[in-house]
Each structure stands twice: as structure tokens, then as C-alpha cells.
């Protein structure tokens, strides 16, 4: 459904930190997991991985500050429908943008928007 409304190929995004082999610590906000979370996942070739020039400590710091925050379904819908976001909740691309940039405008971006601006996000912040 997300791909349909955002007219792109991506419906979700994560920040994946390599552990070993194809195991990653994956940080995001997930509707399935109830909001902001980190979990270890085996990532296969269906994932598009984009190298980011940021320290894991920056991601961990933002995660520690936001873990347990709920999933912002209205905010996720608001990316395409103009609905208001919930300031204490996050959807996936909102959380990832804010973790990467240390800025609070993540509610404006879908996973497809983040992919489109990946050249900006891959620069050191």
C-alpha cells in the first residue's frame, strides 16, 4: 500500500548496522513491531543497502532517546494525504531521517523520498 501511494518501489526503510556475515542490527520504527525498535536480522538480496558515513553511536544515541515510541500511522499516511504527524511517534522513514541527520523534519519523507535524496544523506553530518 505504501508503494502505491508514494508511487515508488519502497514501502519500508531501516538503518542496518553490519554485525557479521549477513546479520545486521536493524533500527527503525515498524508498524508490525509497534514502533521504534532495534532487532538483529539476516538481510538477503531483497534489501537495497546504501552505505552511510555515520557512526553507529549516533544511531544508538537517537535510538536510546526514542526507543519505545509508538508507530505513527497517521504520520505515515500524512506523507501523501497531508495529515498531521504525532510528535511522540515515528514511522520508518521519519525515524531514519532524524537518526541520520539529527534534524526534526523527518515526517516529510517517505522511504522513496529518502532513496531519492540518498546522495545528501550519505554525506557526513
N, C-alpha and C. Protein backbone atom coordinates (compact mmCIF):
# COMPACT_ATOMS: atom_id res chain seq x y z
N UNK A 1 0.82 -1.18 0.00
CA UNK A 1 0.00 0.00 0.00
C UNK A 1 0.87 1.26 0.00
N UNK A 2 1.94 1.26 0.80
CA UNK A 2 2.83 2.43 0.84
C UNK A 2 3.41 2.70 -0.53
N UNK A 3 3.85 1.65 -1.21
CA UNK A 3 4.43 1.83 -2.54
C UNK A 3 3.44 2.45 -3.51
N UNK A 4 2.18 2.04 -3.42
CA UNK A 4 1.15 2.57 -4.30
C UNK A 4 0.98 4.07 -4.08
N UNK A 5 0.82 4.47 -2.82
CA UNK A 5 0.53 5.87 -2.52
C UNK A 5 1.74 6.78 -2.73
N UNK A 6 2.94 6.27 -2.52
CA UNK A 6 4.12 7.11 -2.71
C UNK A 6 4.70 6.96 -4.11
N UNK A 7 4.08 6.13 -4.91
CA UNK A 7 4.48 5.92 -6.31
C UNK A 7 5.95 5.55 -6.44
N UNK A 8 6.38 4.60 -5.64
CA UNK A 8 7.77 4.17 -5.69
C UNK A 8 7.89 2.71 -5.35
N UNK A 9 9.12 2.22 -5.38
CA UNK A 9 9.33 0.79 -5.16
C UNK A 9 9.51 0.41 -3.70
N UNK A 10 9.69 1.40 -2.81
CA UNK A 10 9.98 1.09 -1.41
C UNK A 10 8.77 1.33 -0.51
N UNK A 11 8.57 0.39 0.41
CA UNK A 11 7.47 0.51 1.37
C UNK A 11 7.98 0.61 2.81
N UNK A 12 9.29 0.46 3.01
CA UNK A 12 9.84 0.48 4.36
C UNK A 12 11.33 0.81 4.27
N UNK A 13 11.88 1.34 5.35
CA UNK A 13 13.33 1.54 5.41
C UNK A 13 13.82 1.29 6.83
N UNK A 14 15.07 0.92 6.93
CA UNK A 14 15.74 0.60 8.19
C UNK A 14 17.14 1.21 8.13
N UNK A 15 17.75 1.39 9.26
CA UNK A 15 19.19 1.65 9.32
C UNK A 15 19.81 0.34 9.77
N UNK A 16 20.60 -0.26 8.89
CA UNK A 16 21.17 -1.58 9.14
C UNK A 16 22.66 -1.45 9.43
N UNK A 17 23.07 -1.92 10.60
CA UNK A 17 24.47 -1.88 11.01
C UNK A 17 25.01 -3.30 10.95
N UNK A 18 26.03 -3.49 10.12
CA UNK A 18 26.58 -4.82 9.89
C UNK A 18 27.22 -5.39 11.17
N UNK A 19 26.88 -6.63 11.48
CA UNK A 19 27.46 -7.33 12.63
C UNK A 19 28.46 -8.37 12.14
N UNK A 20 28.00 -9.35 11.38
CA UNK A 20 28.87 -10.35 10.75
C UNK A 20 28.05 -11.09 9.69
N UNK A 21 28.78 -11.65 8.71
CA UNK A 21 28.13 -12.33 7.58
C UNK A 21 27.00 -11.46 7.06
N UNK A 22 25.78 -11.97 7.02
CA UNK A 22 24.66 -11.14 6.56
C UNK A 22 23.70 -10.82 7.72
N UNK A 23 24.25 -10.72 8.93
CA UNK A 23 23.48 -10.35 10.13
C UNK A 23 23.71 -8.87 10.42
N UNK A 24 22.62 -8.16 10.67
CA UNK A 24 22.66 -6.72 10.92
C UNK A 24 21.80 -6.38 12.14
N UNK A 25 22.20 -5.35 12.87
CA UNK A 25 21.30 -4.71 13.83
C UNK A 25 20.48 -3.72 13.01
N UNK A 26 19.18 -3.88 13.01
CA UNK A 26 18.30 -3.04 12.20
C UNK A 26 17.48 -2.13 13.10
N UNK A 27 17.60 -0.84 12.85
CA UNK A 27 16.91 0.19 13.62
C UNK A 27 15.84 0.82 12.74
N UNK A 28 14.65 1.01 13.30
CA UNK A 28 13.58 1.67 12.55
C UNK A 28 12.38 1.85 13.46
N UNK A 29 11.30 2.29 12.86
CA UNK A 29 10.00 2.25 13.52
C UNK A 29 9.12 1.40 12.62
N UNK A 30 8.52 0.40 13.20
CA UNK A 30 7.78 -0.59 12.42
C UNK A 30 6.36 -0.74 12.97
N UNK A 31 5.40 -0.73 12.06
CA UNK A 31 4.02 -0.95 12.48
C UNK A 31 3.87 -2.36 13.05
N UNK A 32 4.57 -3.32 12.45
CA UNK A 32 4.50 -4.72 12.90
C UNK A 32 5.04 -4.89 14.32
N UNK A 33 6.10 -4.13 14.64
CA UNK A 33 6.73 -4.25 15.96
C UNK A 33 6.23 -3.20 16.95
N UNK A 34 5.28 -2.39 16.56
CA UNK A 34 4.65 -1.44 17.48
C UNK A 34 5.36 -0.11 17.66
N UNK A 35 6.35 0.15 16.83
CA UNK A 35 7.04 1.44 16.94
C UNK A 35 8.54 1.30 16.83
N UNK A 36 9.24 2.22 17.48
CA UNK A 36 10.70 2.27 17.40
C UNK A 36 11.30 1.03 18.05
N UNK A 37 12.22 0.39 17.32
CA UNK A 37 12.84 -0.82 17.83
C UNK A 37 14.17 -1.08 17.12
N UNK A 38 14.96 -1.94 17.74
CA UNK A 38 16.17 -2.48 17.14
C UNK A 38 16.06 -3.98 17.24
N UNK A 39 16.39 -4.66 16.16
CA UNK A 39 16.44 -6.12 16.22
C UNK A 39 17.51 -6.62 15.27
N UNK A 40 18.03 -7.80 15.58
CA UNK A 40 19.00 -8.44 14.71
C UNK A 40 18.26 -9.17 13.62
N UNK A 41 18.71 -8.95 12.39
CA UNK A 41 18.04 -9.56 11.24
C UNK A 41 19.07 -10.06 10.25
N UNK A 42 18.71 -11.13 9.56
CA UNK A 42 19.50 -11.63 8.46
C UNK A 42 18.94 -10.96 7.20
N UNK A 43 19.77 -10.17 6.53
CA UNK A 43 19.32 -9.45 5.34
C UNK A 43 19.79 -10.18 4.10
N UNK A 44 18.85 -10.46 3.22
CA UNK A 44 19.18 -11.15 1.98
C UNK A 44 19.22 -10.14 0.83
N UNK A 45 19.26 -10.65 -0.39
CA UNK A 45 19.41 -9.78 -1.54
C UNK A 45 18.15 -9.00 -1.91
N UNK A 46 17.06 -9.17 -1.18
CA UNK A 46 15.87 -8.36 -1.47
C UNK A 46 15.98 -6.96 -0.85
N UNK A 47 16.99 -6.75 0.00
CA UNK A 47 17.22 -5.45 0.63
C UNK A 47 18.22 -4.66 -0.20
N UNK A 48 17.93 -3.39 -0.43
CA UNK A 48 18.89 -2.48 -1.07
C UNK A 48 19.64 -1.77 0.05
N UNK A 49 20.93 -2.04 0.16
CA UNK A 49 21.74 -1.45 1.22
C UNK A 49 22.52 -0.26 0.66
N UNK A 50 22.44 0.86 1.35
CA UNK A 50 23.11 2.09 0.95
C UNK A 50 24.09 2.46 2.06
N UNK A 51 25.35 2.61 1.70
CA UNK A 51 26.39 2.94 2.68
C UNK A 51 26.19 4.37 3.18
N UNK A 52 26.17 4.52 4.50
CA UNK A 52 26.07 5.83 5.14
C UNK A 52 27.36 6.12 5.89
N UNK A 53 27.80 7.34 5.85
CA UNK A 53 29.04 7.73 6.52
C UNK A 53 28.70 8.33 7.89
N UNK A 54 28.16 7.48 8.77
CA UNK A 54 27.83 7.91 10.13
C UNK A 54 28.26 6.82 11.10
N UNK A 55 28.49 7.20 12.33
CA UNK A 55 28.88 6.24 13.36
C UNK A 55 27.65 5.56 13.93
N UNK A 56 27.81 4.30 14.27
CA UNK A 56 26.70 3.59 14.92
C UNK A 56 26.33 4.27 16.24
N UNK A 57 27.28 4.91 16.89
CA UNK A 57 26.98 5.57 18.16
C UNK A 57 25.94 6.67 17.99
N UNK A 58 25.96 7.35 16.85
CA UNK A 58 24.94 8.37 16.57
C UNK A 58 23.56 7.73 16.48
N UNK A 59 23.48 6.59 15.82
CA UNK A 59 22.20 5.88 15.68
C UNK A 59 21.75 5.35 17.04
N UNK A 60 22.68 4.76 17.78
CA UNK A 60 22.34 4.25 19.12
C UNK A 60 21.84 5.36 20.04
N UNK A 61 22.47 6.52 19.97
CA UNK A 61 22.06 7.65 20.81
C UNK A 61 20.62 8.06 20.49
N UNK A 62 20.29 8.18 19.21
CA UNK A 62 18.92 8.54 18.83
C UNK A 62 17.96 7.42 19.21
N UNK A 63 18.38 6.18 19.00
CA UNK A 63 17.54 5.05 19.39
C UNK A 63 17.26 5.08 20.90
N UNK A 64 18.30 5.28 21.70
CA UNK A 64 18.11 5.32 23.16
C UNK A 64 17.14 6.42 23.57
N UNK A 65 17.15 7.53 22.84
CA UNK A 65 16.26 8.65 23.16
C UNK A 65 14.82 8.40 22.71
N UNK A 66 14.63 7.49 21.75
CA UNK A 66 13.29 7.31 21.16
C UNK A 66 12.73 5.90 21.31
N UNK A 67 13.52 4.95 21.83
CA UNK A 67 13.04 3.56 21.90
C UNK A 67 11.75 3.50 22.71
N UNK A 68 10.86 2.66 22.26
CA UNK A 68 9.56 2.54 22.90
C UNK A 68 8.52 3.51 22.38
N UNK A 69 8.95 4.50 21.58
CA UNK A 69 7.97 5.40 20.97
C UNK A 69 7.10 4.60 20.01
N UNK A 70 5.84 4.92 19.95
CA UNK A 70 4.91 4.18 19.11
C UNK A 70 5.08 4.45 17.63
N UNK A 71 4.37 3.66 16.84
CA UNK A 71 4.37 3.83 15.39
C UNK A 71 3.36 4.92 15.02
N UNK A 72 3.77 5.84 14.17
CA UNK A 72 2.91 6.96 13.77
C UNK A 72 2.20 6.65 12.45
N UNK A 73 1.12 5.89 12.54
CA UNK A 73 0.36 5.54 11.34
C UNK A 73 -0.20 6.78 10.66
N UNK A 74 -0.76 7.72 11.44
CA UNK A 74 -1.31 8.94 10.84
C UNK A 74 -0.23 9.75 10.15
N UNK A 75 0.95 9.79 10.74
CA UNK A 75 2.07 10.49 10.11
C UNK A 75 2.49 9.83 8.81
N UNK A 76 2.52 8.50 8.81
CA UNK A 76 2.88 7.77 7.59
C UNK A 76 1.87 8.06 6.49
N UNK A 77 0.60 8.07 6.84
CA UNK A 77 -0.44 8.41 5.86
C UNK A 77 -0.35 9.88 5.47
N UNK A 78 0.07 10.70 6.40
CA UNK A 78 0.16 12.13 6.16
C UNK A 78 1.19 12.53 5.13
N UNK A 79 2.20 11.69 4.89
CA UNK A 79 3.20 11.98 3.87
C UNK A 79 2.52 12.20 2.52
N UNK A 80 1.48 11.43 2.23
CA UNK A 80 0.79 11.57 0.95
C UNK A 80 -0.55 12.27 1.06
N UNK A 81 -1.16 12.24 2.24
CA UNK A 81 -2.52 12.80 2.38
C UNK A 81 -2.55 14.13 3.11
N UNK A 82 -1.40 14.61 3.55
CA UNK A 82 -1.36 15.89 4.24
C UNK A 82 -1.90 15.87 5.65
N UNK A 83 -1.91 14.70 6.29
CA UNK A 83 -2.38 14.60 7.67
C UNK A 83 -1.27 15.04 8.63
N UNK A 84 -1.66 15.46 9.81
CA UNK A 84 -0.69 15.90 10.81
C UNK A 84 0.03 14.70 11.42
N UNK A 85 1.27 14.90 11.72
CA UNK A 85 2.07 13.86 12.37
C UNK A 85 1.90 13.92 13.88
N UNK A 86 2.23 12.84 14.55
CA UNK A 86 2.20 12.77 16.02
C UNK A 86 3.63 12.96 16.50
N UNK A 87 3.88 13.98 17.29
CA UNK A 87 5.25 14.34 17.69
C UNK A 87 5.95 13.30 18.54
N UNK A 88 5.22 12.43 19.22
CA UNK A 88 5.85 11.44 20.11
C UNK A 88 5.90 10.05 19.48
N UNK A 89 5.53 9.95 18.20
CA UNK A 89 5.55 8.68 17.49
C UNK A 89 6.31 8.86 16.18
N UNK A 90 6.73 7.74 15.60
CA UNK A 90 7.52 7.78 14.37
C UNK A 90 7.04 6.72 13.39
N UNK A 91 7.13 7.03 12.10
CA UNK A 91 7.05 6.00 11.07
C UNK A 91 8.47 5.78 10.55
N UNK A 92 8.68 4.75 9.77
CA UNK A 92 10.05 4.29 9.46
C UNK A 92 10.95 5.35 8.86
N UNK A 93 10.54 5.99 7.79
CA UNK A 93 11.42 6.95 7.13
C UNK A 93 11.60 8.21 7.96
N UNK A 94 10.60 8.58 8.72
CA UNK A 94 10.72 9.72 9.64
C UNK A 94 11.83 9.43 10.65
N UNK A 95 11.77 8.24 11.27
CA UNK A 95 12.77 7.88 12.28
C UNK A 95 14.16 7.83 11.66
N UNK A 96 14.30 7.17 10.50
CA UNK A 96 15.60 7.04 9.86
C UNK A 96 16.19 8.40 9.49
N UNK A 97 15.38 9.28 8.90
CA UNK A 97 15.86 10.61 8.54
C UNK A 97 16.38 11.35 9.76
N UNK A 98 15.62 11.34 10.84
CA UNK A 98 16.01 12.07 12.03
C UNK A 98 17.24 11.46 12.70
N UNK A 99 17.37 10.14 12.67
CA UNK A 99 18.55 9.48 13.23
C UNK A 99 19.81 9.82 12.43
N UNK A 100 19.68 9.91 11.12
CA UNK A 100 20.82 10.18 10.25
C UNK A 100 21.24 11.65 10.30
N UNK A 101 20.27 12.55 10.30
CA UNK A 101 20.57 13.98 10.14
C UNK A 101 20.56 14.79 11.43
N UNK A 102 20.01 14.24 12.50
CA UNK A 102 19.81 14.99 13.75
C UNK A 102 18.90 16.20 13.54
N UNK A 103 17.99 16.10 12.58
CA UNK A 103 17.00 17.15 12.31
C UNK A 103 15.62 16.59 12.56
N UNK A 104 14.63 17.47 12.71
CA UNK A 104 13.29 17.02 13.07
C UNK A 104 12.26 17.19 11.96
N UNK A 105 12.67 17.12 10.72
CA UNK A 105 11.72 17.25 9.61
C UNK A 105 11.43 15.92 8.94
N UNK A 106 11.71 14.82 9.61
CA UNK A 106 11.56 13.51 9.00
C UNK A 106 10.15 13.15 8.59
N UNK A 107 9.16 13.80 9.18
CA UNK A 107 7.76 13.50 8.85
C UNK A 107 7.43 13.84 7.40
N UNK A 108 8.30 14.55 6.72
CA UNK A 108 8.05 14.95 5.33
C UNK A 108 8.45 13.88 4.32
N UNK A 109 9.13 12.82 4.77
CA UNK A 109 9.77 11.90 3.83
C UNK A 109 9.21 10.48 3.91
N UNK A 110 8.92 9.93 2.74
CA UNK A 110 8.57 8.51 2.61
C UNK A 110 9.86 7.73 2.39
N UNK A 111 9.81 6.40 2.45
CA UNK A 111 11.00 5.61 2.11
C UNK A 111 11.52 5.93 0.70
N UNK A 112 10.62 6.19 -0.23
CA UNK A 112 11.03 6.53 -1.60
C UNK A 112 11.69 7.90 -1.66
N UNK A 113 11.21 8.84 -0.86
CA UNK A 113 11.85 10.15 -0.80
C UNK A 113 13.28 10.02 -0.27
N UNK A 114 13.46 9.21 0.77
CA UNK A 114 14.82 9.02 1.32
C UNK A 114 15.74 8.43 0.27
N UNK A 115 15.24 7.48 -0.49
CA UNK A 115 16.07 6.90 -1.55
C UNK A 115 16.43 7.97 -2.58
N UNK A 116 15.48 8.83 -2.90
CA UNK A 116 15.72 9.87 -3.90
C UNK A 116 16.78 10.88 -3.44
N UNK A 117 16.88 11.11 -2.13
CA UNK A 117 17.86 12.07 -1.62
C UNK A 117 19.06 11.37 -0.98
N UNK A 118 19.28 10.12 -1.33
CA UNK A 118 20.35 9.35 -0.70
C UNK A 118 21.72 10.00 -0.84
N UNK A 119 21.96 10.72 -1.93
CA UNK A 119 23.27 11.36 -2.08
C UNK A 119 23.49 12.42 -1.00
N UNK A 120 22.43 13.08 -0.55
CA UNK A 120 22.54 14.05 0.53
C UNK A 120 22.75 13.33 1.86
N UNK A 121 22.03 12.24 2.06
CA UNK A 121 22.09 11.51 3.33
C UNK A 121 23.40 10.76 3.52
N UNK A 122 24.09 10.44 2.43
CA UNK A 122 25.33 9.68 2.55
C UNK A 122 26.53 10.57 2.85
N UNK A 123 26.34 11.89 2.85
CA UNK A 123 27.41 12.80 3.25
C UNK A 123 27.50 12.86 4.76
N UNK A 124 28.66 13.14 5.25
CA UNK A 124 28.90 13.24 6.71
C UNK A 124 28.09 14.39 7.30
N UNK A 125 27.37 14.13 8.42
CA UNK A 125 26.56 15.16 9.09
C UNK A 125 27.20 15.55 10.39
